[in-house]
Amino acid sequence: MSGPNVWTRSRERMRLFSELFAQCGPEAATYGKCVAATTTGKQELKKDLCLKEFEALKRCFTTAAKRRGK
C-alpha cells in the first residue's frame, strides 16, 4: 500500500530531475538531435542507435546528482 509520503517523495524526485536536466543541456540536446535524426518519417528508433549520446547524458545526470548530494 502507499502512504502519504509516496507523493512527497515522487514530487521531490520530479523536482530534482528538472534541476539535473538543466545542468545537462548540451548532452540532452545532442541526444535529442540523434534521436530526431534516426527517426525521420515513419522510421522507429532502434536500440543502441544513439547509445554513445545516451551514455554521455547518463554520465552527466549521474555526475550532477553526485555533486548535488555533497
PDB file of N, CA and C in Angstrom:
ATOM      1  N   MET A   1       0.835  -1.189   0.000  1.00  0.00           N
ATOM      2  CA  MET A   1       0.000   0.000   0.000  1.00  0.00           C
ATOM      3  C   MET A   1       0.873   1.243   0.000  1.00  0.00           C
ATOM      4  N   SER A   2       0.315   2.290  -0.476  1.00  0.00           N
ATOM      5  CA  SER A   2       1.072   3.550  -0.491  1.00  0.00           C
ATOM      6  C   SER A   2       0.601   4.435   0.656  1.00  0.00           C
ATOM      7  N   GLY A   3       1.530   5.196   1.157  1.00  0.00           N
ATOM      8  CA  GLY A   3       1.218   6.116   2.233  1.00  0.00           C
ATOM      9  C   GLY A   3       1.330   7.550   1.751  1.00  0.00           C
ATOM     10  N   PRO A   4       1.094   8.495   2.630  1.00  0.00           N
ATOM     11  CA  PRO A   4       1.138   9.903   2.229  1.00  0.00           C
ATOM     12  C   PRO A   4       2.530  10.361   1.785  1.00  0.00           C
ATOM     13  N   ASN A   5       3.578   9.703   2.260  1.00  0.00           N
ATOM     14  CA  ASN A   5       4.925  10.116   1.889  1.00  0.00           C
ATOM     15  C   ASN A   5       5.304   9.725   0.467  1.00  0.00           C
ATOM     16  N   VAL A   6       4.562   8.812  -0.141  1.00  0.00           N
ATOM     17  CA  VAL A   6       4.867   8.393  -1.508  1.00  0.00           C
ATOM     18  C   VAL A   6       4.780   9.593  -2.441  1.00  0.00           C
ATOM     19  N   TRP A   7       3.763  10.394  -2.311  1.00  0.00           N
ATOM     20  CA  TRP A   7       3.595  11.543  -3.203  1.00  0.00           C
ATOM     21  C   TRP A   7       4.642  12.609  -2.936  1.00  0.00           C
ATOM     22  N   THR A   8       5.012  12.781  -1.698  1.00  0.00           N
ATOM     23  CA  THR A   8       6.051  13.757  -1.358  1.00  0.00           C
ATOM     24  C   THR A   8       7.376  13.342  -1.986  1.00  0.00           C
ATOM     25  N   ARG A   9       7.725  12.077  -1.882  1.00  0.00           N
ATOM     26  CA  ARG A   9       8.973  11.598  -2.482  1.00  0.00           C
ATOM     27  C   ARG A   9       8.928  11.705  -3.996  1.00  0.00           C
ATOM     28  N   SER A  10       7.784  11.397  -4.589  1.00  0.00           N
ATOM     29  CA  SER A  10       7.658  11.480  -6.043  1.00  0.00           C
ATOM     30  C   SER A  10       7.834  12.910  -6.520  1.00  0.00           C
ATOM     31  N   ARG A  11       7.219  13.845  -5.841  1.00  0.00           N
ATOM     32  CA  ARG A  11       7.368  15.268  -6.207  1.00  0.00           C
ATOM     33  C   ARG A  11       8.812  15.708  -6.092  1.00  0.00           C
ATOM     34  N   GLU A  12       9.487  15.272  -5.049  1.00  0.00           N
ATOM     35  CA  GLU A  12      10.892  15.636  -4.853  1.00  0.00           C
ATOM     36  C   GLU A  12      11.753  15.083  -5.986  1.00  0.00           C
ATOM     37  N   ARG A  13      11.514  13.850  -6.386  1.00  0.00           N
ATOM     38  CA  ARG A  13      12.276  13.264  -7.496  1.00  0.00           C
ATOM     39  C   ARG A  13      12.023  14.003  -8.798  1.00  0.00           C
ATOM     40  N   MET A  14      10.785  14.393  -9.042  1.00  0.00           N
ATOM     41  CA  MET A  14      10.472  15.132 -10.266  1.00  0.00           C
ATOM     42  C   MET A  14      11.131  16.512 -10.244  1.00  0.00           C
ATOM     43  N   ARG A  15      11.146  17.164  -9.106  1.00  0.00           N
ATOM     44  CA  ARG A  15      11.812  18.456  -8.996  1.00  0.00           C
ATOM     45  C   ARG A  15      13.308  18.292  -9.221  1.00  0.00           C
ATOM     46  N   LEU A  16      13.884  17.271  -8.657  1.00  0.00           N
ATOM     47  CA  LEU A  16      15.302  17.004  -8.821  1.00  0.00           C
ATOM     48  C   LEU A  16      15.637  16.717 -10.283  1.00  0.00           C
ATOM     49  N   PHE A  17      14.780  15.979 -10.959  1.00  0.00           N
ATOM     50  CA  PHE A  17      15.017  15.665 -12.368  1.00  0.00           C
ATOM     51  C   PHE A  17      15.165  16.933 -13.196  1.00  0.00           C
ATOM     52  N   SER A  18      14.312  17.898 -12.992  1.00  0.00           N
ATOM     53  CA  SER A  18      14.401  19.134 -13.780  1.00  0.00           C
ATOM     54  C   SER A  18      15.686  19.904 -13.478  1.00  0.00           C
ATOM     55  N   GLU A  19      16.143  19.871 -12.235  1.00  0.00           N
ATOM     56  CA  GLU A  19      17.407  20.523 -11.889  1.00  0.00           C
ATOM     57  C   GLU A  19      18.583  19.829 -12.579  1.00  0.00           C
ATOM     58  N   LEU A  20      18.582  18.517 -12.557  1.00  0.00           N
ATOM     59  CA  LEU A  20      19.656  17.762 -13.207  1.00  0.00           C
ATOM     60  C   LEU A  20      19.609  17.964 -14.718  1.00  0.00           C
ATOM     61  N   PHE A  21      18.416  17.960 -15.273  1.00  0.00           N
ATOM     62  CA  PHE A  21      18.258  18.166 -16.710  1.00  0.00           C
ATOM     63  C   PHE A  21      18.811  19.519 -17.129  1.00  0.00           C
ATOM     64  N   ALA A  22      18.588  20.539 -16.324  1.00  0.00           N
ATOM     65  CA  ALA A  22      19.093  21.876 -16.638  1.00  0.00           C
ATOM     66  C   ALA A  22      20.619  21.905 -16.653  1.00  0.00           C
ATOM     67  N   GLN A  23      21.255  21.075 -15.863  1.00  0.00           N
ATOM     68  CA  GLN A  23      22.716  21.027 -15.815  1.00  0.00           C
ATOM     69  C   GLN A  23      23.311  20.230 -16.972  1.00  0.00           C
ATOM     70  N   CYS A  24      22.486  19.493 -17.678  1.00  0.00           N
ATOM     71  CA  CYS A  24      22.974  18.621 -18.754  1.00  0.00           C
ATOM     72  C   CYS A  24      22.387  19.021 -20.106  1.00  0.00           C
ATOM     73  N   GLY A  25      22.184  20.285 -20.302  1.00  0.00           N
ATOM     74  CA  GLY A  25      21.580  20.781 -21.540  1.00  0.00           C
ATOM     75  C   GLY A  25      22.295  20.356 -22.808  1.00  0.00           C
ATOM     76  N   PRO A  26      23.611  20.551 -22.905  1.00  0.00           N
ATOM     77  CA  PRO A  26      24.298  20.161 -24.145  1.00  0.00           C
ATOM     78  C   PRO A  26      24.182  18.664 -24.445  1.00  0.00           C
ATOM     79  N   GLU A  27      24.306  17.836 -23.421  1.00  0.00           N
ATOM     80  CA  GLU A  27      24.204  16.388 -23.614  1.00  0.00           C
ATOM     81  C   GLU A  27      22.783  15.997 -24.020  1.00  0.00           C
ATOM     82  N   ALA A  28      21.793  16.628 -23.394  1.00  0.00           N
ATOM     83  CA  ALA A  28      20.398  16.342 -23.734  1.00  0.00           C
ATOM     84  C   ALA A  28      20.097  16.762 -25.169  1.00  0.00           C
ATOM     85  N   ALA A  29      20.624  17.903 -25.578  1.00  0.00           N
ATOM     86  CA  ALA A  29      20.402  18.377 -26.941  1.00  0.00           C
ATOM     87  C   ALA A  29      21.044  17.438 -27.957  1.00  0.00           C
ATOM     88  N   THR A  30      22.241  16.982 -27.668  1.00  0.00           N
ATOM     89  CA  THR A  30      22.936  16.068 -28.571  1.00  0.00           C
ATOM     90  C   THR A  30      22.167  14.758 -28.705  1.00  0.00           C
ATOM     91  N   TYR A  31      21.691  14.239 -27.591  1.00  0.00           N
ATOM     92  CA  TYR A  31      20.914  13.001 -27.616  1.00  0.00           C
ATOM     93  C   TYR A  31      19.611  13.210 -28.386  1.00  0.00           C
ATOM     94  N   GLY A  32      18.939  14.321 -28.122  1.00  0.00           N
ATOM     95  CA  GLY A  32      17.689  14.622 -28.821  1.00  0.00           C
ATOM     96  C   GLY A  32      17.881  14.742 -30.321  1.00  0.00           C
ATOM     97  N   LYS A  33      18.972  15.374 -30.743  1.00  0.00           N
ATOM     98  CA  LYS A  33      19.256  15.506 -32.177  1.00  0.00           C
ATOM     99  C   LYS A  33      19.508  14.145 -32.808  1.00  0.00           C
ATOM    100  N   CYS A  34      20.205  13.278 -32.091  1.00  0.00           N
ATOM    101  CA  CYS A  34      20.462  11.935 -32.599  1.00  0.00           C
ATOM    102  C   CYS A  34      19.151  11.166 -32.768  1.00  0.00           C
ATOM    103  N   VAL A  35      18.297  11.224 -31.767  1.00  0.00           N
ATOM    104  CA  VAL A  35      17.011  10.527 -31.833  1.00  0.00           C
ATOM    105  C   VAL A  35      16.187  11.073 -32.985  1.00  0.00           C
ATOM    106  N   ALA A  36      16.141  12.398 -33.127  1.00  0.00           N
ATOM    107  CA  ALA A  36      15.363  13.007 -34.205  1.00  0.00           C
ATOM    108  C   ALA A  36      15.913  12.611 -35.573  1.00  0.00           C
ATOM    109  N   ALA A  37      17.228  12.569 -35.699  1.00  0.00           N
ATOM    110  CA  ALA A  37      17.850  12.239 -36.978  1.00  0.00           C
ATOM    111  C   ALA A  37      17.637  10.775 -37.371  1.00  0.00           C
ATOM    112  N   THR A  38      17.510   9.916 -36.395  1.00  0.00           N
ATOM    113  CA  THR A  38      17.376   8.487 -36.697  1.00  0.00           C
ATOM    114  C   THR A  38      15.927   8.030 -36.758  1.00  0.00           C
ATOM    115  N   THR A  39      14.989   8.944 -36.548  1.00  0.00           N
ATOM    116  CA  THR A  39      13.573   8.565 -36.581  1.00  0.00           C
ATOM    117  C   THR A  39      12.791   9.450 -37.550  1.00  0.00           C
ATOM    118  N   THR A  40      13.380   9.793 -38.674  1.00  0.00           N
ATOM    119  CA  THR A  40      12.679  10.628 -39.650  1.00  0.00           C
ATOM    120  C   THR A  40      11.553   9.838 -40.301  1.00  0.00           C
ATOM    121  N   GLY A  41      10.498  10.519 -40.620  1.00  0.00           N
ATOM    122  CA  GLY A  41       9.349   9.867 -41.242  1.00  0.00           C
ATOM    123  C   GLY A  41       8.697   8.876 -40.305  1.00  0.00           C
ATOM    124  N   LYS A  42       8.439   7.677 -40.829  1.00  0.00           N
ATOM    125  CA  LYS A  42       7.795   6.634 -40.026  1.00  0.00           C
ATOM    126  C   LYS A  42       8.796   5.676 -39.422  1.00  0.00           C
ATOM    127  N   GLN A  43      10.057   5.988 -39.567  1.00  0.00           N
ATOM    128  CA  GLN A  43      11.106   5.114 -39.042  1.00  0.00           C
ATOM    129  C   GLN A  43      11.070   5.104 -37.510  1.00  0.00           C
ATOM    130  N   GLU A  44      11.158   3.925 -36.926  1.00  0.00           N
ATOM    131  CA  GLU A  44      11.156   3.787 -35.472  1.00  0.00           C
ATOM    132  C   GLU A  44      12.588   3.832 -34.944  1.00  0.00           C
ATOM    133  N   LEU A  45      12.726   4.291 -33.723  1.00  0.00           N
ATOM    134  CA  LEU A  45      14.033   4.318 -33.073  1.00  0.00           C
ATOM    135  C   LEU A  45      14.461   2.888 -32.772  1.00  0.00           C
ATOM    136  N   LYS A  46      15.635   2.545 -33.204  1.00  0.00           N
ATOM    137  CA  LYS A  46      16.173   1.211 -32.961  1.00  0.00           C
ATOM    138  C   LYS A  46      17.124   1.255 -31.767  1.00  0.00           C
ATOM    139  N   LYS A  47      17.160   0.180 -31.031  1.00  0.00           N
ATOM    140  CA  LYS A  47      18.009   0.080 -29.846  1.00  0.00           C
ATOM    141  C   LYS A  47      19.473   0.343 -30.209  1.00  0.00           C
ATOM    142  N   ASP A  48      20.136   1.102 -29.379  1.00  0.00           N
ATOM    143  CA  ASP A  48      21.572   1.391 -29.459  1.00  0.00           C
ATOM    144  C   ASP A  48      22.006   2.306 -30.602  1.00  0.00           C
ATOM    145  N   LEU A  49      21.082   2.850 -31.386  1.00  0.00           N
ATOM    146  CA  LEU A  49      21.490   3.782 -32.438  1.00  0.00           C
ATOM    147  C   LEU A  49      22.117   5.042 -31.858  1.00  0.00           C
ATOM    148  N   CYS A  50      21.633   5.483 -30.729  1.00  0.00           N
ATOM    149  CA  CYS A  50      22.144   6.690 -30.083  1.00  0.00           C
ATOM    150  C   CYS A  50      22.782   6.348 -28.736  1.00  0.00           C
ATOM    151  N   LEU A  51      23.368   5.187 -28.655  1.00  0.00           N
ATOM    152  CA  LEU A  51      23.923   4.708 -27.388  1.00  0.00           C
ATOM    153  C   LEU A  51      25.013   5.636 -26.857  1.00  0.00           C
ATOM    154  N   LYS A  52      25.905   6.081 -27.719  1.00  0.00           N
ATOM    155  CA  LYS A  52      27.005   6.945 -27.288  1.00  0.00           C
ATOM    156  C   LYS A  52      26.454   8.240 -26.683  1.00  0.00           C
ATOM    157  N   GLU A  53      25.464   8.833 -27.332  1.00  0.00           N
ATOM    158  CA  GLU A  53      24.862  10.069 -26.846  1.00  0.00           C
ATOM    159  C   GLU A  53      24.091   9.838 -25.555  1.00  0.00           C
ATOM    160  N   PHE A  54      23.382   8.704 -25.475  1.00  0.00           N
ATOM    161  CA  PHE A  54      22.641   8.381 -24.258  1.00  0.00           C
ATOM    162  C   PHE A  54      23.585   8.182 -23.083  1.00  0.00           C
ATOM    163  N   GLU A  55      24.682   7.474 -23.317  1.00  0.00           N
ATOM    164  CA  GLU A  55      25.652   7.237 -22.246  1.00  0.00           C
ATOM    165  C   GLU A  55      26.247   8.552 -21.746  1.00  0.00           C
ATOM    166  N   ALA A  56      26.500   9.495 -22.643  1.00  0.00           N
ATOM    167  CA  ALA A  56      27.020  10.807 -22.236  1.00  0.00           C
ATOM    168  C   ALA A  56      25.997  11.539 -21.374  1.00  0.00           C
ATOM    169  N   LEU A  57      24.731  11.479 -21.752  1.00  0.00           N
ATOM    170  CA  LEU A  57      23.672  12.113 -20.963  1.00  0.00           C
ATOM    171  C   LEU A  57      23.535  11.433 -19.602  1.00  0.00           C
ATOM    172  N   LYS A  58      23.596  10.135 -19.580  1.00  0.00           N
ATOM    173  CA  LYS A  58      23.501   9.378 -18.328  1.00  0.00           C
ATOM    174  C   LYS A  58      24.660   9.734 -17.385  1.00  0.00           C
ATOM    175  N   ARG A  59      25.879   9.822 -17.940  1.00  0.00           N
ATOM    176  CA  ARG A  59      27.041  10.200 -17.122  1.00  0.00           C
ATOM    177  C   ARG A  59      26.852  11.604 -16.547  1.00  0.00           C
ATOM    178  N   CYS A  60      26.346  12.514 -17.360  1.00  0.00           N
ATOM    179  CA  CYS A  60      26.115  13.878 -16.887  1.00  0.00           C
ATOM    180  C   CYS A  60      25.109  13.886 -15.742  1.00  0.00           C
ATOM    181  N   PHE A  61      23.991  13.174 -15.902  1.00  0.00           N
ATOM    182  CA  PHE A  61      22.982  13.106 -14.839  1.00  0.00           C
ATOM    183  C   PHE A  61      23.587  12.534 -13.560  1.00  0.00           C
ATOM    184  N   THR A  62      24.343  11.463 -13.694  1.00  0.00           N
ATOM    185  CA  THR A  62      24.957  10.816 -12.539  1.00  0.00           C
ATOM    186  C   THR A  62      25.916  11.767 -11.831  1.00  0.00           C
ATOM    187  N   THR A  63      26.740  12.439 -12.596  1.00  0.00           N
ATOM    188  CA  THR A  63      27.695  13.393 -12.029  1.00  0.00           C
ATOM    189  C   THR A  63      26.970  14.545 -11.342  1.00  0.00           C
ATOM    190  N   ALA A  64      25.942  15.061 -11.996  1.00  0.00           N
ATOM    191  CA  ALA A  64      25.177  16.163 -11.403  1.00  0.00           C
ATOM    192  C   ALA A  64      24.498  15.737 -10.107  1.00  0.00           C
ATOM    193  N   ALA A  65      23.971  14.516 -10.077  1.00  0.00           N
ATOM    194  CA  ALA A  65      23.318  14.020  -8.867  1.00  0.00           C
ATOM    195  C   ALA A  65      24.311  13.849  -7.735  1.00  0.00           C
ATOM    196  N   LYS A  66      25.509  13.368  -8.068  1.00  0.00           N
ATOM    197  CA  LYS A  66      26.540  13.205  -7.034  1.00  0.00           C
ATOM    198  C   LYS A  66      26.968  14.558  -6.476  1.00  0.00           C
ATOM    199  N   ARG A  67      27.115  15.545  -7.358  1.00  0.00           N
ATOM    200  CA  ARG A  67      27.504  16.893  -6.895  1.00  0.00           C
ATOM    201  C   ARG A  67      26.416  17.463  -5.992  1.00  0.00           C
ATOM    202  N   ARG A  68      25.162  17.229  -6.334  1.00  0.00           N
ATOM    203  CA  ARG A  68      24.050  17.762  -5.551  1.00  0.00           C
ATOM    204  C   ARG A  68      24.002  17.113  -4.168  1.00  0.00           C
ATOM    205  N   GLY A  69      24.403  15.860  -4.096  1.00  0.00           N
ATOM    206  CA  GLY A  69      24.347  15.112  -2.841  1.00  0.00           C
ATOM    207  C   GLY A  69      25.417  15.491  -1.834  1.00  0.00           C
ATOM    208  N   LYS A  70      26.431  16.244  -2.251  1.00  0.00           N
ATOM    209  CA  LYS A  70      27.519  16.610  -1.336  1.00  0.00           C
ATOM    210  C   LYS A  70      27.113  17.682  -0.377  1.00  0.00           C
TER     211      LYS A  70
END
